[in-house]
Amino acid sequence: MPKRDAAAGKIRIGVGGWTYEPWRGTFYPEGLPQKRELEHASRQLTSIEINGTYYGSQKPASYAKWHDETPDDFMFSLKAPRFAMNRTVLAEAGGTITRFFNSGLTELKGKLGPINWQFLPTKKFDPADFEERATYTEPHRYPSGSRTTVLVNGVVVVDDAVHTGALPGKVLRRDAAGAVR
């Protein structure tokens, strides 16, 4: 029987973001300094999405700090920048995507997990447009073993399976039941 990679079947429980005032005194212990909220949250959960990447660039030093404040087996997910995702034509986002990948996110090292390519609810599926997505993400390296799935209005339109290091950009369309169309 072949050996199974234990990490391949791991389910992670997390939240989007960690800086929420209403959590202070409830989820976060009373008196915990705000600068220690990620440290605390990362010991209660196994993953947190960095929402700030959607709204603007982060500094390499921030990614490195987040890496260092979390346990070794912790994983971050990131939101792709809104300036890339809110475009009518995805292929026009090349510069934004390059800046995103070059912003220092590799400072998360082995804690860099999935990237959430969150489209507006009004985004229509256009196979040619999504094929173009591969032209602006392909030069960037994903961590080996990571996975990319892109959903548009709740339908999987890109499922790249497990990466060997580069995003292949295979576009498909699945209906709500998971059947490929």
N, C-alpha and C. Protein backbone atom coordinates (compact mmCIF):
# COMPACT_ATOMS: atom_id res chain seq x y z
N MET A 1 0.85 -1.18 0.00
CA MET A 1 0.00 0.00 0.00
C MET A 1 0.89 1.24 0.00
N PRO A 2 0.62 2.22 -0.88
CA PRO A 2 1.45 3.42 -0.93
C PRO A 2 1.29 4.26 0.33
N LYS A 3 2.36 4.94 0.71
CA LYS A 3 2.31 5.83 1.87
C LYS A 3 1.45 7.04 1.53
N ARG A 4 0.67 7.46 2.47
CA ARG A 4 -0.18 8.62 2.28
C ARG A 4 0.43 9.81 3.01
N ASP A 5 0.45 10.94 2.34
CA ASP A 5 0.94 12.17 2.94
C ASP A 5 -0.09 12.64 3.96
N ALA A 6 0.28 12.66 5.23
CA ALA A 6 -0.64 13.04 6.29
C ALA A 6 -1.20 14.44 6.09
N ALA A 7 -0.41 15.35 5.55
CA ALA A 7 -0.88 16.73 5.35
C ALA A 7 -1.92 16.82 4.25
N ALA A 8 -1.94 15.86 3.31
CA ALA A 8 -2.86 15.92 2.19
C ALA A 8 -4.31 15.85 2.65
N GLY A 9 -4.59 15.14 3.73
CA GLY A 9 -5.95 15.00 4.20
C GLY A 9 -6.29 15.87 5.39
N LYS A 10 -5.42 16.78 5.76
CA LYS A 10 -5.64 17.61 6.94
C LYS A 10 -6.70 18.67 6.69
N ILE A 11 -7.64 18.73 7.59
CA ILE A 11 -8.67 19.76 7.54
C ILE A 11 -8.26 20.86 8.51
N ARG A 12 -8.31 22.08 8.03
CA ARG A 12 -7.93 23.22 8.86
C ARG A 12 -9.17 24.04 9.21
N ILE A 13 -9.18 24.55 10.41
CA ILE A 13 -10.28 25.38 10.88
C ILE A 13 -9.73 26.78 11.10
N GLY A 14 -10.36 27.77 10.49
CA GLY A 14 -9.84 29.12 10.61
C GLY A 14 -10.91 30.18 10.41
N VAL A 15 -10.44 31.40 10.33
CA VAL A 15 -11.30 32.56 10.14
C VAL A 15 -10.64 33.51 9.15
N GLY A 16 -11.41 34.45 8.68
CA GLY A 16 -10.88 35.50 7.82
C GLY A 16 -10.51 36.71 8.68
N GLY A 17 -9.22 36.91 8.89
CA GLY A 17 -8.76 38.04 9.71
C GLY A 17 -8.67 37.67 11.17
N TRP A 18 -8.07 38.57 11.93
CA TRP A 18 -7.92 38.32 13.37
C TRP A 18 -8.04 39.58 14.22
N THR A 19 -8.20 40.73 13.62
CA THR A 19 -8.27 41.97 14.39
C THR A 19 -9.72 42.46 14.42
N TYR A 20 -10.45 42.04 15.44
CA TYR A 20 -11.86 42.39 15.56
C TYR A 20 -12.14 42.86 16.99
N GLU A 21 -12.50 44.10 17.13
CA GLU A 21 -12.75 44.70 18.44
C GLU A 21 -13.79 43.91 19.25
N PRO A 22 -14.90 43.44 18.66
CA PRO A 22 -15.88 42.70 19.47
C PRO A 22 -15.34 41.40 20.07
N TRP A 23 -14.22 40.88 19.57
CA TRP A 23 -13.65 39.65 20.10
C TRP A 23 -12.84 39.89 21.36
N ARG A 24 -12.51 41.14 21.63
CA ARG A 24 -11.68 41.46 22.80
C ARG A 24 -12.51 41.30 24.08
N GLY A 25 -11.98 40.46 24.97
CA GLY A 25 -12.70 40.18 26.21
C GLY A 25 -13.62 38.97 26.08
N THR A 26 -13.80 38.46 24.85
CA THR A 26 -14.60 37.23 24.63
C THR A 26 -13.68 36.15 24.08
N PHE A 27 -13.36 36.21 22.80
CA PHE A 27 -12.40 35.26 22.20
C PHE A 27 -10.99 35.56 22.71
N TYR A 28 -10.63 36.82 22.71
CA TYR A 28 -9.32 37.22 23.23
C TYR A 28 -9.45 37.49 24.72
N PRO A 29 -8.51 37.00 25.53
CA PRO A 29 -8.58 37.26 26.97
C PRO A 29 -8.56 38.76 27.29
N GLU A 30 -9.26 39.10 28.31
CA GLU A 30 -9.29 40.49 28.79
C GLU A 30 -7.87 40.97 29.01
N GLY A 31 -7.54 42.14 28.48
CA GLY A 31 -6.24 42.73 28.69
C GLY A 31 -5.15 42.27 27.74
N LEU A 32 -5.45 41.33 26.82
CA LEU A 32 -4.45 40.89 25.85
C LEU A 32 -4.12 42.06 24.92
N PRO A 33 -2.85 42.43 24.80
CA PRO A 33 -2.51 43.53 23.89
C PRO A 33 -2.88 43.18 22.44
N GLN A 34 -3.36 44.16 21.69
CA GLN A 34 -3.76 43.93 20.30
C GLN A 34 -2.64 43.31 19.48
N LYS A 35 -1.40 43.70 19.76
CA LYS A 35 -0.27 43.18 18.98
C LYS A 35 -0.05 41.68 19.20
N ARG A 36 -0.74 41.09 20.19
CA ARG A 36 -0.60 39.65 20.46
C ARG A 36 -1.83 38.85 20.03
N GLU A 37 -2.77 39.52 19.35
CA GLU A 37 -4.00 38.82 18.96
C GLU A 37 -3.74 37.70 17.95
N LEU A 38 -2.87 37.91 16.98
CA LEU A 38 -2.56 36.84 16.03
C LEU A 38 -1.93 35.66 16.75
N GLU A 39 -1.01 35.94 17.63
CA GLU A 39 -0.36 34.88 18.41
C GLU A 39 -1.41 34.03 19.13
N HIS A 40 -2.35 34.69 19.79
CA HIS A 40 -3.40 33.98 20.52
C HIS A 40 -4.31 33.20 19.57
N ALA A 41 -4.80 33.87 18.53
CA ALA A 41 -5.73 33.23 17.59
C ALA A 41 -5.10 32.02 16.91
N SER A 42 -3.81 32.11 16.60
CA SER A 42 -3.14 31.02 15.89
C SER A 42 -2.96 29.78 16.76
N ARG A 43 -3.19 29.91 18.04
CA ARG A 43 -3.10 28.76 18.94
C ARG A 43 -4.48 28.17 19.23
N GLN A 44 -5.52 28.85 18.75
CA GLN A 44 -6.89 28.35 18.90
C GLN A 44 -7.38 27.74 17.59
N LEU A 45 -6.80 28.17 16.47
CA LEU A 45 -7.21 27.77 15.12
C LEU A 45 -6.01 27.21 14.37
N THR A 46 -6.25 26.59 13.23
CA THR A 46 -5.14 26.04 12.44
C THR A 46 -4.85 26.86 11.18
N SER A 47 -5.69 27.85 10.89
CA SER A 47 -5.51 28.67 9.69
C SER A 47 -6.22 30.00 9.85
N ILE A 48 -5.65 31.03 9.27
CA ILE A 48 -6.30 32.35 9.23
C ILE A 48 -6.06 32.94 7.85
N GLU A 49 -7.09 33.55 7.30
CA GLU A 49 -6.96 34.24 6.03
C GLU A 49 -6.50 35.67 6.28
N ILE A 50 -5.48 36.08 5.53
CA ILE A 50 -5.02 37.47 5.61
C ILE A 50 -5.88 38.28 4.65
N ASN A 51 -6.84 39.00 5.20
CA ASN A 51 -7.76 39.80 4.39
C ASN A 51 -7.09 41.06 3.83
N GLY A 52 -6.09 41.56 4.54
CA GLY A 52 -5.46 42.81 4.15
C GLY A 52 -4.85 42.79 2.76
N THR A 53 -4.49 41.61 2.27
CA THR A 53 -3.91 41.52 0.92
C THR A 53 -4.94 41.87 -0.15
N TYR A 54 -6.21 41.77 0.16
CA TYR A 54 -7.27 42.15 -0.78
C TYR A 54 -7.33 43.67 -0.94
N TYR A 55 -7.09 44.36 0.16
CA TYR A 55 -7.26 45.82 0.19
C TYR A 55 -6.01 46.60 -0.16
N GLY A 56 -4.83 45.98 -0.02
CA GLY A 56 -3.60 46.70 -0.33
C GLY A 56 -2.38 45.84 -0.12
N SER A 57 -1.24 46.34 -0.58
CA SER A 57 0.02 45.61 -0.45
C SER A 57 0.45 45.52 1.01
N GLN A 58 1.07 44.41 1.33
CA GLN A 58 1.65 44.22 2.65
C GLN A 58 3.17 44.24 2.49
N LYS A 59 3.86 44.53 3.55
CA LYS A 59 5.32 44.60 3.51
C LYS A 59 5.92 43.23 3.80
N PRO A 60 7.09 42.93 3.20
CA PRO A 60 7.75 41.67 3.51
C PRO A 60 7.96 41.49 5.02
N ALA A 61 8.27 42.56 5.72
CA ALA A 61 8.48 42.48 7.17
C ALA A 61 7.20 42.03 7.90
N SER A 62 6.04 42.44 7.39
CA SER A 62 4.77 42.01 8.01
C SER A 62 4.58 40.51 7.83
N TYR A 63 4.80 40.02 6.60
CA TYR A 63 4.68 38.58 6.36
C TYR A 63 5.64 37.80 7.26
N ALA A 64 6.87 38.27 7.37
CA ALA A 64 7.88 37.59 8.21
C ALA A 64 7.44 37.59 9.68
N LYS A 65 6.91 38.71 10.14
CA LYS A 65 6.44 38.81 11.52
C LYS A 65 5.29 37.85 11.77
N TRP A 66 4.34 37.77 10.84
CA TRP A 66 3.21 36.85 10.99
C TRP A 66 3.70 35.41 10.99
N HIS A 67 4.66 35.11 10.16
CA HIS A 67 5.26 33.77 10.15
C HIS A 67 5.81 33.43 11.53
N ASP A 68 6.57 34.35 12.09
CA ASP A 68 7.26 34.10 13.35
C ASP A 68 6.32 34.04 14.55
N GLU A 69 5.16 34.67 14.47
CA GLU A 69 4.22 34.71 15.61
C GLU A 69 3.32 33.50 15.69
N THR A 70 3.38 32.60 14.71
CA THR A 70 2.44 31.48 14.64
C THR A 70 3.16 30.15 14.78
N PRO A 71 2.42 29.10 15.22
CA PRO A 71 3.03 27.78 15.38
C PRO A 71 3.56 27.21 14.06
N ASP A 72 4.47 26.27 14.16
CA ASP A 72 5.11 25.68 12.98
C ASP A 72 4.11 25.06 12.00
N ASP A 73 3.04 24.44 12.51
CA ASP A 73 2.09 23.76 11.62
C ASP A 73 0.91 24.64 11.21
N PHE A 74 1.01 25.93 11.46
CA PHE A 74 -0.05 26.88 11.12
C PHE A 74 -0.01 27.20 9.63
N MET A 75 -1.17 27.58 9.06
CA MET A 75 -1.21 27.94 7.65
C MET A 75 -2.04 29.20 7.44
N PHE A 76 -1.52 30.07 6.59
CA PHE A 76 -2.24 31.28 6.18
C PHE A 76 -2.83 31.09 4.79
N SER A 77 -3.99 31.64 4.59
CA SER A 77 -4.51 31.81 3.23
C SER A 77 -4.49 33.32 2.98
N LEU A 78 -4.44 33.68 1.72
CA LEU A 78 -4.39 35.09 1.34
C LEU A 78 -5.48 35.39 0.34
N LYS A 79 -5.99 36.61 0.38
CA LYS A 79 -6.91 37.05 -0.66
C LYS A 79 -6.10 37.77 -1.73
N ALA A 80 -6.35 37.41 -2.98
CA ALA A 80 -5.72 38.13 -4.09
C ALA A 80 -6.23 39.57 -4.08
N PRO A 81 -5.45 40.52 -4.58
CA PRO A 81 -5.83 41.93 -4.52
C PRO A 81 -7.11 42.25 -5.28
N ARG A 82 -7.92 43.09 -4.70
CA ARG A 82 -9.18 43.48 -5.34
C ARG A 82 -8.94 44.20 -6.66
N PHE A 83 -7.79 44.87 -6.79
CA PHE A 83 -7.50 45.58 -8.03
C PHE A 83 -7.28 44.61 -9.18
N ALA A 84 -7.02 43.36 -8.87
CA ALA A 84 -6.92 42.32 -9.90
C ALA A 84 -8.26 41.64 -10.10
N MET A 85 -8.97 41.40 -9.02
CA MET A 85 -10.18 40.59 -9.09
C MET A 85 -11.40 41.36 -9.60
N ASN A 86 -11.41 42.67 -9.44
CA ASN A 86 -12.59 43.45 -9.81
C ASN A 86 -12.50 44.03 -11.21
N ARG A 87 -11.73 43.40 -12.07
CA ARG A 87 -11.58 43.88 -13.45
C ARG A 87 -12.58 43.17 -14.36
N THR A 88 -12.98 43.87 -15.39
CA THR A 88 -13.86 43.26 -16.37
C THR A 88 -13.12 42.19 -17.15
N VAL A 89 -11.87 42.46 -17.53
CA VAL A 89 -11.04 41.51 -18.27
C VAL A 89 -9.87 41.11 -17.38
N LEU A 90 -9.82 39.84 -17.00
CA LEU A 90 -8.79 39.36 -16.07
C LEU A 90 -7.37 39.56 -16.59
N ALA A 91 -7.18 39.44 -17.90
CA ALA A 91 -5.84 39.56 -18.47
C ALA A 91 -5.23 40.94 -18.24
N GLU A 92 -6.04 41.93 -17.92
CA GLU A 92 -5.54 43.28 -17.66
C GLU A 92 -4.96 43.42 -16.26
N ALA A 93 -5.00 42.37 -15.48
CA ALA A 93 -4.55 42.42 -14.09
C ALA A 93 -3.09 42.00 -13.92
N GLY A 94 -2.39 41.77 -15.00
CA GLY A 94 -1.03 41.25 -14.93
C GLY A 94 -0.10 42.00 -14.00
N GLY A 95 -0.05 43.33 -14.11
CA GLY A 95 0.83 44.12 -13.27
C GLY A 95 0.48 44.01 -11.79
N THR A 96 -0.81 44.01 -11.50
CA THR A 96 -1.27 43.90 -10.11
C THR A 96 -0.87 42.55 -9.53
N ILE A 97 -1.05 41.50 -10.31
CA ILE A 97 -0.71 40.16 -9.84
C ILE A 97 0.80 40.03 -9.63
N THR A 98 1.58 40.58 -10.54
CA THR A 98 3.04 40.54 -10.38
C THR A 98 3.46 41.25 -9.10
N ARG A 99 2.90 42.43 -8.85
CA ARG A 99 3.23 43.17 -7.61
C ARG A 99 2.82 42.36 -6.37
N PHE A 100 1.66 41.71 -6.45
CA PHE A 100 1.18 40.89 -5.33
C PHE A 100 2.17 39.76 -5.04
N PHE A 101 2.56 39.01 -6.06
CA PHE A 101 3.47 37.89 -5.85
C PHE A 101 4.86 38.36 -5.44
N ASN A 102 5.24 39.56 -5.81
CA ASN A 102 6.56 40.09 -5.46
C ASN A 102 6.55 40.91 -4.17
N SER A 103 5.42 40.95 -3.48
CA SER A 103 5.28 41.81 -2.30
C SER A 103 5.91 41.24 -1.03
N GLY A 104 6.40 40.02 -1.10
CA GLY A 104 7.02 39.43 0.09
C GLY A 104 6.24 38.29 0.69
N LEU A 105 5.16 37.86 0.03
CA LEU A 105 4.34 36.81 0.62
C LEU A 105 5.11 35.51 0.83
N THR A 106 6.23 35.33 0.13
CA THR A 106 7.05 34.14 0.36
C THR A 106 7.71 34.14 1.74
N GLU A 107 7.68 35.29 2.42
CA GLU A 107 8.19 35.35 3.80
C GLU A 107 7.36 34.48 4.74
N LEU A 108 6.18 34.08 4.30
CA LEU A 108 5.37 33.15 5.09
C LEU A 108 5.93 31.72 5.03
N LYS A 109 6.81 31.48 4.07
CA LYS A 109 7.49 30.20 3.89
C LYS A 109 6.48 29.06 3.84
N GLY A 110 6.69 28.01 4.59
CA GLY A 110 5.81 26.84 4.57
C GLY A 110 4.43 27.08 5.13
N LYS A 111 4.19 28.26 5.66
CA LYS A 111 2.87 28.60 6.20
C LYS A 111 1.98 29.28 5.16
N LEU A 112 2.53 29.47 3.94
CA LEU A 112 1.74 30.05 2.85
C LEU A 112 0.84 28.96 2.30
N GLY A 113 -0.45 29.17 2.43
CA GLY A 113 -1.43 28.19 1.95
C GLY A 113 -2.15 28.71 0.72
N PRO A 114 -3.44 28.45 0.63
CA PRO A 114 -4.18 28.81 -0.58
C PRO A 114 -4.33 30.32 -0.76
N ILE A 115 -4.46 30.70 -2.01
CA ILE A 115 -4.77 32.08 -2.36
C ILE A 115 -6.20 32.12 -2.83
N ASN A 116 -6.99 32.96 -2.21
CA ASN A 116 -8.41 33.09 -2.52
C ASN A 116 -8.58 34.13 -3.62
N TRP A 117 -8.96 33.69 -4.80
CA TRP A 117 -9.21 34.57 -5.94
C TRP A 117 -10.70 34.89 -5.92
N GLN A 118 -11.09 35.88 -5.13
CA GLN A 118 -12.49 36.19 -4.88
C GLN A 118 -13.01 37.19 -5.90
N PHE A 119 -13.90 36.72 -6.75
CA PHE A 119 -14.48 37.58 -7.78
C PHE A 119 -15.76 38.23 -7.29
N LEU A 120 -16.11 39.33 -7.92
CA LEU A 120 -17.37 39.98 -7.62
C LEU A 120 -18.52 39.04 -7.96
N PRO A 121 -19.64 39.13 -7.24
CA PRO A 121 -20.78 38.26 -7.54
C PRO A 121 -21.32 38.46 -8.96
N THR A 122 -21.02 39.58 -9.56
CA THR A 122 -21.51 39.87 -10.91
C THR A 122 -20.60 39.32 -12.00
N LYS A 123 -19.44 38.75 -11.63
CA LYS A 123 -18.50 38.24 -12.63
C LYS A 123 -19.10 37.04 -13.34
N LYS A 124 -19.15 37.11 -14.65
CA LYS A 124 -19.66 36.02 -15.47
C LYS A 124 -18.50 35.12 -15.89
N PHE A 125 -18.77 33.84 -16.00
CA PHE A 125 -17.74 32.90 -16.44
C PHE A 125 -17.55 33.02 -17.95
N ASP A 126 -16.32 33.27 -18.34
CA ASP A 126 -15.93 33.34 -19.75
C ASP A 126 -14.66 32.50 -19.87
N PRO A 127 -14.74 31.32 -20.51
CA PRO A 127 -13.57 30.42 -20.56
C PRO A 127 -12.31 31.10 -21.10
N ALA A 128 -12.45 31.92 -22.14
CA ALA A 128 -11.26 32.58 -22.72
C ALA A 128 -10.64 33.54 -21.71
N ASP A 129 -11.46 34.27 -20.99
CA ASP A 129 -10.97 35.21 -19.99
C ASP A 129 -10.24 34.47 -18.87
N PHE A 130 -10.79 33.34 -18.43
CA PHE A 130 -10.15 32.58 -17.37
C PHE A 130 -8.90 31.87 -17.86
N GLU A 131 -8.84 31.50 -19.13
CA GLU A 131 -7.60 30.96 -19.69
C GLU A 131 -6.51 32.02 -19.63
N GLU A 132 -6.87 33.27 -19.86
CA GLU A 132 -5.91 34.37 -19.79
C GLU A 132 -5.32 34.49 -18.38
N ARG A 133 -6.08 34.10 -17.38
CA ARG A 133 -5.60 34.14 -15.99
C ARG A 133 -4.27 33.40 -15.87
N ALA A 134 -4.14 32.31 -16.59
CA ALA A 134 -2.91 31.54 -16.53
C ALA A 134 -1.71 32.34 -17.04
N THR A 135 -1.95 33.25 -17.97
CA THR A 135 -0.82 34.01 -18.52
C THR A 135 -0.25 34.97 -17.50
N TYR A 136 -1.03 35.45 -16.55
CA TYR A 136 -0.46 36.36 -15.56
C TYR A 136 -0.11 35.68 -14.25
N THR A 137 -0.53 34.45 -14.03
CA THR A 137 -0.12 33.75 -12.81
C THR A 137 0.98 32.74 -13.07
N GLU A 138 1.09 32.25 -14.29
CA GLU A 138 2.04 31.18 -14.60
C GLU A 138 3.48 31.50 -14.25
N PRO A 139 3.98 32.73 -14.46
CA PRO A 139 5.39 32.99 -14.12
C PRO A 139 5.68 32.94 -12.62
N HIS A 140 4.64 32.96 -11.79
CA HIS A 140 4.83 33.00 -10.35
C HIS A 140 4.76 31.60 -9.80
N ARG A 141 5.59 31.33 -8.83
CA ARG A 141 5.68 29.99 -8.27
C ARG A 141 4.76 29.83 -7.07
N TYR A 142 4.02 28.76 -7.07
CA TYR A 142 3.23 28.37 -5.91
C TYR A 142 4.05 27.35 -5.14
N PRO A 143 3.87 27.27 -3.84
CA PRO A 143 4.60 26.25 -3.09
C PRO A 143 4.24 24.86 -3.61
N SER A 144 5.21 24.01 -3.74
CA SER A 144 4.97 22.65 -4.20
C SER A 144 3.97 21.97 -3.28
N GLY A 145 3.01 21.29 -3.85
CA GLY A 145 2.00 20.59 -3.08
C GLY A 145 0.78 21.43 -2.77
N SER A 146 0.79 22.74 -3.08
CA SER A 146 -0.39 23.56 -2.81
C SER A 146 -1.43 23.34 -3.89
N ARG A 147 -2.60 23.85 -3.69
CA ARG A 147 -3.73 23.62 -4.59
C ARG A 147 -4.43 24.93 -4.86
N THR A 148 -4.90 25.11 -6.08
CA THR A 148 -5.66 26.29 -6.42
C THR A 148 -7.01 25.89 -7.00
N THR A 149 -8.05 26.45 -6.44
CA THR A 149 -9.38 26.27 -6.98
C THR A 149 -9.98 27.66 -7.09
N VAL A 150 -10.61 27.95 -8.21
CA VAL A 150 -11.23 29.26 -8.42
C VAL A 150 -12.72 29.04 -8.56
N LEU A 151 -13.48 29.79 -7.77
CA LEU A 151 -14.93 29.72 -7.83
C LEU A 151 -15.48 31.03 -8.36
N VAL A 152 -16.48 30.94 -9.21
CA VAL A 152 -17.20 32.12 -9.67
C VAL A 152 -18.67 31.85 -9.40
N ASN A 153 -19.26 32.67 -8.57
CA ASN A 153 -20.67 32.50 -8.19
C ASN A 153 -20.97 31.09 -7.70
N GLY A 154 -20.07 30.54 -6.90
CA GLY A 154 -20.28 29.24 -6.30
C GLY A 154 -19.99 28.06 -7.21
N VAL A 155 -19.51 28.29 -8.41
CA VAL A 155 -19.21 27.21 -9.35
C VAL A 155 -17.70 27.14 -9.55
N VAL A 156 -17.13 25.93 -9.42
CA VAL A 156 -15.70 25.75 -9.64
C VAL A 156 -15.43 25.91 -11.14
N VAL A 157 -14.55 26.87 -11.47
CA VAL A 157 -14.22 27.08 -12.88
C VAL A 157 -12.76 26.79 -13.17
N VAL A 158 -11.93 26.76 -12.16
CA VAL A 158 -10.53 26.37 -12.32
C VAL A 158 -10.21 25.42 -11.19
N ASP A 159 -9.70 24.27 -11.54
CA ASP A 159 -9.28 23.32 -10.52
C ASP A 159 -7.96 22.75 -11.00
N ASP A 160 -6.87 23.27 -10.45
CA ASP A 160 -5.54 22.92 -10.92
C ASP A 160 -4.95 21.71 -10.22
N ALA A 161 -5.74 21.04 -9.41
CA ALA A 161 -5.27 19.89 -8.67
C ALA A 161 -4.04 20.28 -7.85
N VAL A 162 -3.14 19.38 -7.63
CA VAL A 162 -1.99 19.67 -6.78
C VAL A 162 -0.85 20.20 -7.62
N HIS A 163 -0.28 21.33 -7.20
CA HIS A 163 0.81 21.95 -7.94
C HIS A 163 2.11 21.20 -7.74
N THR A 164 2.90 21.22 -8.77
CA THR A 164 4.26 20.71 -8.65
C THR A 164 5.22 21.88 -8.54
N GLY A 165 4.70 23.08 -8.44
CA GLY A 165 5.54 24.26 -8.30
C GLY A 165 5.11 25.41 -9.16
N ALA A 166 4.40 25.17 -10.25
CA ALA A 166 3.94 26.24 -11.13
C ALA A 166 2.46 26.04 -11.41
N LEU A 167 1.74 27.11 -11.56
CA LEU A 167 0.31 27.05 -11.81
C LEU A 167 0.04 26.69 -13.27
N PRO A 168 -0.53 25.51 -13.53
CA PRO A 168 -0.74 25.12 -14.92
C PRO A 168 -1.88 25.86 -15.61
N GLY A 169 -2.88 26.32 -14.91
CA GLY A 169 -3.93 27.12 -15.52
C GLY A 169 -4.95 26.33 -16.31
N LYS A 170 -5.31 25.15 -15.88
CA LYS A 170 -6.32 24.34 -16.55
C LYS A 170 -7.70 24.86 -16.16
N VAL A 171 -8.47 25.28 -17.15
CA VAL A 171 -9.80 25.82 -16.87
C VAL A 171 -10.84 24.77 -17.17
N LEU A 172 -11.76 24.61 -16.26
CA LEU A 172 -12.89 23.73 -16.47
C LEU A 172 -14.10 24.36 -15.82
N ARG A 173 -15.23 23.81 -16.06
CA ARG A 173 -16.44 24.32 -15.42
C ARG A 173 -17.16 23.14 -14.81
N ARG A 174 -17.52 23.30 -13.54
CA ARG A 174 -18.29 22.28 -12.85
C ARG A 174 -19.62 22.87 -12.42
N ASP A 175 -20.66 22.05 -12.51
CA ASP A 175 -21.94 22.53 -12.03
C ASP A 175 -22.00 22.34 -10.52
N ALA A 176 -23.12 22.71 -9.93
CA ALA A 176 -23.26 22.66 -8.46
C ALA A 176 -23.08 21.26 -7.91
N ALA A 177 -23.35 20.23 -8.71
CA ALA A 177 -23.19 18.86 -8.27
C ALA A 177 -21.77 18.35 -8.44
N GLY A 178 -20.88 19.17 -9.03
CA GLY A 178 -19.50 18.78 -9.19
C GLY A 178 -19.16 18.17 -10.54
N ALA A 179 -20.16 18.03 -11.42
CA ALA A 179 -19.90 17.44 -12.74
C ALA A 179 -19.18 18.45 -13.63
N VAL A 180 -18.16 17.98 -14.35
CA VAL A 180 -17.43 18.84 -15.26
C VAL A 180 -18.26 19.08 -16.51
N ARG A 181 -18.34 20.35 -16.92
CA ARG A 181 -19.05 20.72 -18.15
C ARG A 181 -18.09 21.35 -19.09
